[in-house]
Amino acid sequence: MMSIGSTREGRYLLLFSAQVLICLGLLTWHEVSYQTGDGSLATPIAIGQGMAPFVVVVTAATVVIVEGSAMLAERYLKRRYEAGRADEAELWRAWNARRIQAEQEGRPFDEPPPGEDSAPPKGA
């Protein structure tokens, strides 16, 4: 069964409504312009009957668009997060290697660890 995440309901409704209105407008234009044999009651009935398959297709397409884009964005953010973690780990490894080397050589090591501000705190 198709479902939309609660944080994406607004996007779904907006996209769904826009697509339905476009289909309704095109179908109405077609019925009024090209189906000239219909009467005043037959035209809205024909439009309503013609909308049924569009609503089904638009519903499915909107779910795919909204959930698919969310899935792709989630994958992108996860990769970006993992890359950032790898970069941070490399900074820590390099800092620790410099610290160990300074310790082995008997030099003082006052370089702040990665992520800490190297400037002294204000007011100090």
N, C-alpha and C. Protein backbone atom coordinates (compact mmCIF):
# COMPACT_ATOMS: atom_id res chain seq x y z
N MET A 1 0.84 -1.18 0.00
CA MET A 1 0.00 0.00 0.00
C MET A 1 0.89 1.25 0.00
N MET A 2 0.49 2.23 -0.77
CA MET A 2 1.26 3.47 -0.85
C MET A 2 1.04 4.31 0.39
N SER A 3 2.11 4.91 0.88
CA SER A 3 1.98 5.81 2.01
C SER A 3 3.01 6.93 1.87
N ILE A 4 2.69 8.03 2.48
CA ILE A 4 3.54 9.22 2.43
C ILE A 4 3.98 9.51 3.85
N GLY A 5 5.27 9.80 4.02
CA GLY A 5 5.78 10.18 5.33
C GLY A 5 5.08 11.45 5.82
N SER A 6 4.87 11.54 7.12
CA SER A 6 4.10 12.67 7.67
C SER A 6 4.78 14.01 7.40
N THR A 7 6.09 14.03 7.27
CA THR A 7 6.78 15.29 7.01
C THR A 7 6.65 15.72 5.55
N ARG A 8 6.19 14.82 4.70
CA ARG A 8 6.10 15.13 3.27
C ARG A 8 4.65 15.25 2.78
N GLU A 9 3.69 15.23 3.68
CA GLU A 9 2.28 15.29 3.28
C GLU A 9 1.94 16.59 2.55
N GLY A 10 2.47 17.68 3.02
CA GLY A 10 2.20 18.98 2.39
C GLY A 10 2.70 19.02 0.96
N ARG A 11 3.93 18.53 0.75
CA ARG A 11 4.48 18.49 -0.61
C ARG A 11 3.63 17.59 -1.50
N TYR A 12 3.20 16.46 -0.94
CA TYR A 12 2.38 15.54 -1.72
C TYR A 12 1.08 16.22 -2.15
N LEU A 13 0.40 16.84 -1.20
CA LEU A 13 -0.89 17.48 -1.51
C LEU A 13 -0.73 18.60 -2.53
N LEU A 14 0.32 19.38 -2.39
CA LEU A 14 0.55 20.47 -3.33
C LEU A 14 0.82 19.94 -4.73
N LEU A 15 1.71 18.97 -4.85
CA LEU A 15 2.05 18.41 -6.15
C LEU A 15 0.85 17.67 -6.76
N PHE A 16 0.15 16.90 -5.94
CA PHE A 16 -1.02 16.17 -6.41
C PHE A 16 -2.08 17.15 -6.92
N SER A 17 -2.37 18.18 -6.14
CA SER A 17 -3.39 19.15 -6.54
C SER A 17 -3.01 19.85 -7.84
N ALA A 18 -1.75 20.24 -7.96
CA ALA A 18 -1.32 20.92 -9.19
C ALA A 18 -1.49 20.01 -10.40
N GLN A 19 -1.09 18.75 -10.28
CA GLN A 19 -1.21 17.83 -11.40
C GLN A 19 -2.68 17.56 -11.76
N VAL A 20 -3.52 17.39 -10.75
CA VAL A 20 -4.94 17.15 -11.01
C VAL A 20 -5.57 18.36 -11.69
N LEU A 21 -5.23 19.55 -11.23
CA LEU A 21 -5.79 20.75 -11.86
C LEU A 21 -5.32 20.90 -13.30
N ILE A 22 -4.08 20.57 -13.58
CA ILE A 22 -3.59 20.62 -14.96
C ILE A 22 -4.35 19.62 -15.82
N CYS A 23 -4.48 18.39 -15.34
CA CYS A 23 -5.23 17.37 -16.09
C CYS A 23 -6.69 17.79 -16.29
N LEU A 24 -7.29 18.33 -15.24
CA LEU A 24 -8.68 18.78 -15.33
C LEU A 24 -8.83 19.90 -16.36
N GLY A 25 -7.90 20.82 -16.34
CA GLY A 25 -7.95 21.93 -17.30
C GLY A 25 -7.80 21.44 -18.73
N LEU A 26 -6.83 20.53 -18.95
CA LEU A 26 -6.63 20.00 -20.30
C LEU A 26 -7.83 19.19 -20.77
N LEU A 27 -8.36 18.36 -19.89
CA LEU A 27 -9.50 17.54 -20.25
C LEU A 27 -10.74 18.41 -20.52
N THR A 28 -10.95 19.43 -19.71
CA THR A 28 -12.07 20.35 -19.91
C THR A 28 -11.92 21.07 -21.25
N TRP A 29 -10.72 21.56 -21.51
CA TRP A 29 -10.46 22.24 -22.78
C TRP A 29 -10.75 21.31 -23.96
N HIS A 30 -10.30 20.07 -23.86
CA HIS A 30 -10.54 19.09 -24.93
C HIS A 30 -12.03 18.83 -25.10
N GLU A 31 -12.73 18.60 -24.00
CA GLU A 31 -14.17 18.31 -24.07
C GLU A 31 -14.96 19.48 -24.65
N VAL A 32 -14.63 20.67 -24.23
CA VAL A 32 -15.37 21.84 -24.69
C VAL A 32 -15.02 22.17 -26.14
N SER A 33 -13.75 22.02 -26.50
CA SER A 33 -13.30 22.41 -27.84
C SER A 33 -13.61 21.37 -28.91
N TYR A 34 -13.42 20.10 -28.60
CA TYR A 34 -13.49 19.08 -29.64
C TYR A 34 -14.71 18.16 -29.56
N GLN A 35 -15.36 18.07 -28.44
CA GLN A 35 -16.55 17.22 -28.30
C GLN A 35 -17.79 18.11 -28.35
N THR A 36 -18.03 18.69 -29.50
CA THR A 36 -19.10 19.67 -29.63
C THR A 36 -20.49 19.06 -29.64
N GLY A 37 -20.59 17.75 -29.77
CA GLY A 37 -21.90 17.10 -29.79
C GLY A 37 -22.50 16.91 -28.42
N ASP A 38 -21.71 17.11 -27.35
CA ASP A 38 -22.22 16.93 -25.98
C ASP A 38 -23.15 18.08 -25.60
N GLY A 39 -24.11 17.77 -24.76
CA GLY A 39 -25.00 18.80 -24.23
C GLY A 39 -24.40 19.40 -22.98
N SER A 40 -25.16 20.31 -22.35
CA SER A 40 -24.66 21.00 -21.16
C SER A 40 -24.50 20.07 -19.97
N LEU A 41 -25.26 19.01 -19.88
CA LEU A 41 -25.12 18.04 -18.79
C LEU A 41 -24.10 16.95 -19.15
N ALA A 42 -24.01 16.60 -20.41
CA ALA A 42 -23.11 15.53 -20.83
C ALA A 42 -21.64 15.95 -20.74
N THR A 43 -21.35 17.21 -20.92
CA THR A 43 -19.96 17.68 -20.86
C THR A 43 -19.34 17.49 -19.48
N PRO A 44 -19.96 17.96 -18.39
CA PRO A 44 -19.34 17.73 -17.08
C PRO A 44 -19.27 16.24 -16.72
N ILE A 45 -20.25 15.46 -17.15
CA ILE A 45 -20.21 14.02 -16.89
C ILE A 45 -19.02 13.39 -17.62
N ALA A 46 -18.83 13.78 -18.86
CA ALA A 46 -17.70 13.25 -19.64
C ALA A 46 -16.36 13.67 -19.02
N ILE A 47 -16.30 14.88 -18.53
CA ILE A 47 -15.07 15.36 -17.88
C ILE A 47 -14.81 14.53 -16.62
N GLY A 48 -15.84 14.31 -15.82
CA GLY A 48 -15.69 13.51 -14.61
C GLY A 48 -15.25 12.09 -14.91
N GLN A 49 -15.85 11.48 -15.91
CA GLN A 49 -15.47 10.11 -16.30
C GLN A 49 -14.05 10.09 -16.85
N GLY A 50 -13.68 11.11 -17.58
CA GLY A 50 -12.33 11.17 -18.14
C GLY A 50 -11.25 11.40 -17.09
N MET A 51 -11.62 12.00 -15.97
CA MET A 51 -10.64 12.30 -14.92
C MET A 51 -10.23 11.07 -14.12
N ALA A 52 -11.09 10.06 -14.06
CA ALA A 52 -10.81 8.89 -13.21
C ALA A 52 -9.44 8.27 -13.49
N PRO A 53 -9.08 7.94 -14.73
CA PRO A 53 -7.76 7.34 -14.93
C PRO A 53 -6.62 8.31 -14.63
N PHE A 54 -6.86 9.60 -14.88
CA PHE A 54 -5.82 10.59 -14.57
C PHE A 54 -5.54 10.65 -13.08
N VAL A 55 -6.57 10.59 -12.27
CA VAL A 55 -6.40 10.65 -10.81
C VAL A 55 -5.58 9.46 -10.32
N VAL A 56 -5.85 8.28 -10.88
CA VAL A 56 -5.08 7.09 -10.48
C VAL A 56 -3.61 7.26 -10.84
N VAL A 57 -3.35 7.69 -12.07
CA VAL A 57 -1.97 7.86 -12.53
C VAL A 57 -1.27 8.97 -11.76
N VAL A 58 -1.96 10.09 -11.54
CA VAL A 58 -1.37 11.21 -10.80
C VAL A 58 -1.07 10.80 -9.36
N THR A 59 -1.95 10.03 -8.74
CA THR A 59 -1.71 9.57 -7.37
C THR A 59 -0.42 8.75 -7.30
N ALA A 60 -0.29 7.78 -8.18
CA ALA A 60 0.90 6.93 -8.18
C ALA A 60 2.16 7.74 -8.51
N ALA A 61 2.06 8.60 -9.51
CA ALA A 61 3.23 9.39 -9.91
C ALA A 61 3.67 10.32 -8.79
N THR A 62 2.73 10.91 -8.08
CA THR A 62 3.06 11.83 -7.00
C THR A 62 3.73 11.10 -5.85
N VAL A 63 3.27 9.90 -5.53
CA VAL A 63 3.92 9.11 -4.47
C VAL A 63 5.36 8.80 -4.88
N VAL A 64 5.54 8.38 -6.12
CA VAL A 64 6.89 8.05 -6.59
C VAL A 64 7.79 9.29 -6.55
N ILE A 65 7.28 10.42 -7.00
CA ILE A 65 8.09 11.64 -7.01
C ILE A 65 8.45 12.08 -5.60
N VAL A 66 7.46 12.16 -4.71
CA VAL A 66 7.70 12.67 -3.35
C VAL A 66 8.58 11.70 -2.55
N GLU A 67 8.22 10.43 -2.54
CA GLU A 67 9.00 9.46 -1.76
C GLU A 67 10.35 9.16 -2.43
N GLY A 68 10.37 9.13 -3.74
CA GLY A 68 11.63 8.88 -4.45
C GLY A 68 12.63 9.99 -4.23
N SER A 69 12.18 11.24 -4.30
CA SER A 69 13.10 12.35 -4.07
C SER A 69 13.59 12.35 -2.62
N ALA A 70 12.70 12.00 -1.68
CA ALA A 70 13.12 11.92 -0.27
C ALA A 70 14.16 10.82 -0.08
N MET A 71 13.96 9.69 -0.75
CA MET A 71 14.91 8.58 -0.64
C MET A 71 16.27 8.98 -1.22
N LEU A 72 16.28 9.63 -2.38
CA LEU A 72 17.53 10.06 -2.99
C LEU A 72 18.23 11.11 -2.13
N ALA A 73 17.47 12.03 -1.57
CA ALA A 73 18.06 13.05 -0.69
C ALA A 73 18.66 12.41 0.55
N GLU A 74 17.98 11.42 1.10
CA GLU A 74 18.48 10.72 2.29
C GLU A 74 19.78 10.00 1.98
N ARG A 75 19.83 9.34 0.84
CA ARG A 75 21.08 8.65 0.45
C ARG A 75 22.21 9.64 0.26
N TYR A 76 21.93 10.78 -0.38
CA TYR A 76 22.95 11.80 -0.59
C TYR A 76 23.47 12.33 0.74
N LEU A 77 22.56 12.66 1.64
CA LEU A 77 22.97 13.19 2.94
C LEU A 77 23.76 12.17 3.74
N LYS A 78 23.38 10.90 3.64
CA LYS A 78 24.11 9.86 4.36
C LYS A 78 25.53 9.74 3.82
N ARG A 79 25.69 9.76 2.49
CA ARG A 79 27.04 9.70 1.91
C ARG A 79 27.86 10.90 2.31
N ARG A 80 27.23 12.08 2.30
CA ARG A 80 27.95 13.29 2.68
C ARG A 80 28.37 13.24 4.15
N TYR A 81 27.49 12.72 5.01
CA TYR A 81 27.80 12.59 6.43
C TYR A 81 28.97 11.62 6.63
N GLU A 82 28.91 10.48 5.94
CA GLU A 82 29.98 9.49 6.08
C GLU A 82 31.30 10.03 5.57
N ALA A 83 31.27 10.80 4.49
CA ALA A 83 32.51 11.40 3.97
C ALA A 83 33.07 12.40 4.98
N GLY A 84 32.18 13.17 5.60
CA GLY A 84 32.62 14.12 6.62
C GLY A 84 33.22 13.42 7.82
N ARG A 85 32.63 12.30 8.20
CA ARG A 85 33.18 11.53 9.32
C ARG A 85 34.57 10.99 8.97
N ALA A 86 34.73 10.52 7.73
CA ALA A 86 36.04 9.99 7.30
C ALA A 86 37.08 11.11 7.31
N ASP A 87 36.69 12.30 6.84
CA ASP A 87 37.61 13.44 6.85
C ASP A 87 38.01 13.80 8.28
N GLU A 88 37.03 13.79 9.17
CA GLU A 88 37.32 14.11 10.57
C GLU A 88 38.25 13.07 11.20
N ALA A 89 38.00 11.80 10.90
CA ALA A 89 38.86 10.74 11.44
C ALA A 89 40.28 10.91 10.94
N GLU A 90 40.44 11.30 9.66
CA GLU A 90 41.78 11.51 9.10
C GLU A 90 42.47 12.68 9.80
N LEU A 91 41.74 13.74 10.09
CA LEU A 91 42.32 14.86 10.83
C LEU A 91 42.82 14.42 12.20
N TRP A 92 42.01 13.60 12.89
CA TRP A 92 42.41 13.11 14.21
C TRP A 92 43.63 12.20 14.12
N ARG A 93 43.66 11.31 13.10
CA ARG A 93 44.83 10.42 12.94
C ARG A 93 46.10 11.23 12.70
N ALA A 94 46.02 12.24 11.83
CA ALA A 94 47.19 13.06 11.53
C ALA A 94 47.63 13.84 12.77
N TRP A 95 46.66 14.40 13.51
CA TRP A 95 46.99 15.14 14.73
C TRP A 95 47.66 14.22 15.75
N ASN A 96 47.11 13.02 15.91
CA ASN A 96 47.68 12.09 16.89
C ASN A 96 49.07 11.64 16.47
N ALA A 97 49.31 11.44 15.19
CA ALA A 97 50.64 11.06 14.71
C ALA A 97 51.64 12.17 15.01
N ARG A 98 51.26 13.43 14.81
CA ARG A 98 52.15 14.55 15.14
C ARG A 98 52.41 14.61 16.64
N ARG A 99 51.36 14.33 17.42
CA ARG A 99 51.51 14.34 18.89
C ARG A 99 52.48 13.26 19.34
N ILE A 100 52.33 12.05 18.80
CA ILE A 100 53.20 10.93 19.17
C ILE A 100 54.64 11.22 18.74
N GLN A 101 54.80 11.78 17.54
CA GLN A 101 56.15 12.08 17.06
C GLN A 101 56.81 13.13 17.94
N ALA A 102 56.04 14.16 18.32
CA ALA A 102 56.60 15.19 19.20
C ALA A 102 56.96 14.58 20.55
N GLU A 103 56.15 13.68 21.06
CA GLU A 103 56.42 13.02 22.33
C GLU A 103 57.69 12.18 22.25
N GLN A 104 57.86 11.45 21.15
CA GLN A 104 59.04 10.61 20.97
C GLN A 104 60.32 11.43 20.83
N GLU A 105 60.17 12.63 20.23
CA GLU A 105 61.33 13.49 20.05
C GLU A 105 61.57 14.40 21.25
N GLY A 106 60.71 14.33 22.23
CA GLY A 106 60.85 15.12 23.44
C GLY A 106 60.50 16.59 23.25
N ARG A 107 59.75 16.90 22.22
CA ARG A 107 59.33 18.28 21.97
C ARG A 107 57.98 18.53 22.62
N PRO A 108 57.73 19.77 23.01
CA PRO A 108 56.39 20.08 23.52
C PRO A 108 55.40 20.07 22.36
N PHE A 109 54.20 19.64 22.64
CA PHE A 109 53.14 19.58 21.61
C PHE A 109 51.95 20.34 22.14
N ASP A 110 51.76 21.55 21.62
CA ASP A 110 50.66 22.38 22.09
C ASP A 110 49.60 22.65 21.01
N GLU A 111 49.65 21.87 19.95
CA GLU A 111 48.66 22.02 18.88
C GLU A 111 47.30 21.54 19.39
N PRO A 112 46.25 22.37 19.23
CA PRO A 112 44.93 21.94 19.71
C PRO A 112 44.41 20.78 18.86
N PRO A 113 43.61 19.92 19.46
CA PRO A 113 43.04 18.82 18.69
C PRO A 113 42.09 19.34 17.61
N PRO A 114 41.84 18.54 16.59
CA PRO A 114 40.93 18.98 15.53
C PRO A 114 39.56 19.37 16.09
N GLY A 115 39.02 20.42 15.53
CA GLY A 115 37.70 20.88 15.95
C GLY A 115 37.74 21.93 17.04
N GLU A 116 38.86 22.04 17.73
CA GLU A 116 38.98 23.08 18.76
C GLU A 116 39.59 24.32 18.13
N ASP A 117 39.14 25.46 18.58
CA ASP A 117 39.62 26.71 18.05
C ASP A 117 41.06 26.94 18.52
N SER A 118 41.93 27.28 17.58
CA SER A 118 43.34 27.49 17.95
C SER A 118 43.56 28.84 18.61
N ALA A 119 42.62 29.77 18.45
CA ALA A 119 42.74 31.09 19.07
C ALA A 119 42.37 30.98 20.55
N PRO A 120 43.07 31.73 21.40
CA PRO A 120 42.71 31.69 22.83
C PRO A 120 41.32 32.30 23.02
N PRO A 121 40.60 31.80 24.05
CA PRO A 121 39.25 32.33 24.30
C PRO A 121 39.28 33.81 24.61
N LYS A 122 38.24 34.53 24.20
CA LYS A 122 38.16 35.97 24.46
C LYS A 122 38.08 36.22 25.95
N GLY A 123 38.81 37.25 26.38
CA GLY A 123 38.78 37.59 27.79
C GLY A 123 39.83 36.83 28.59
N ALA A 124 40.65 36.01 27.94
CA ALA A 124 41.67 35.24 28.66
C ALA A 124 42.99 35.93 28.60
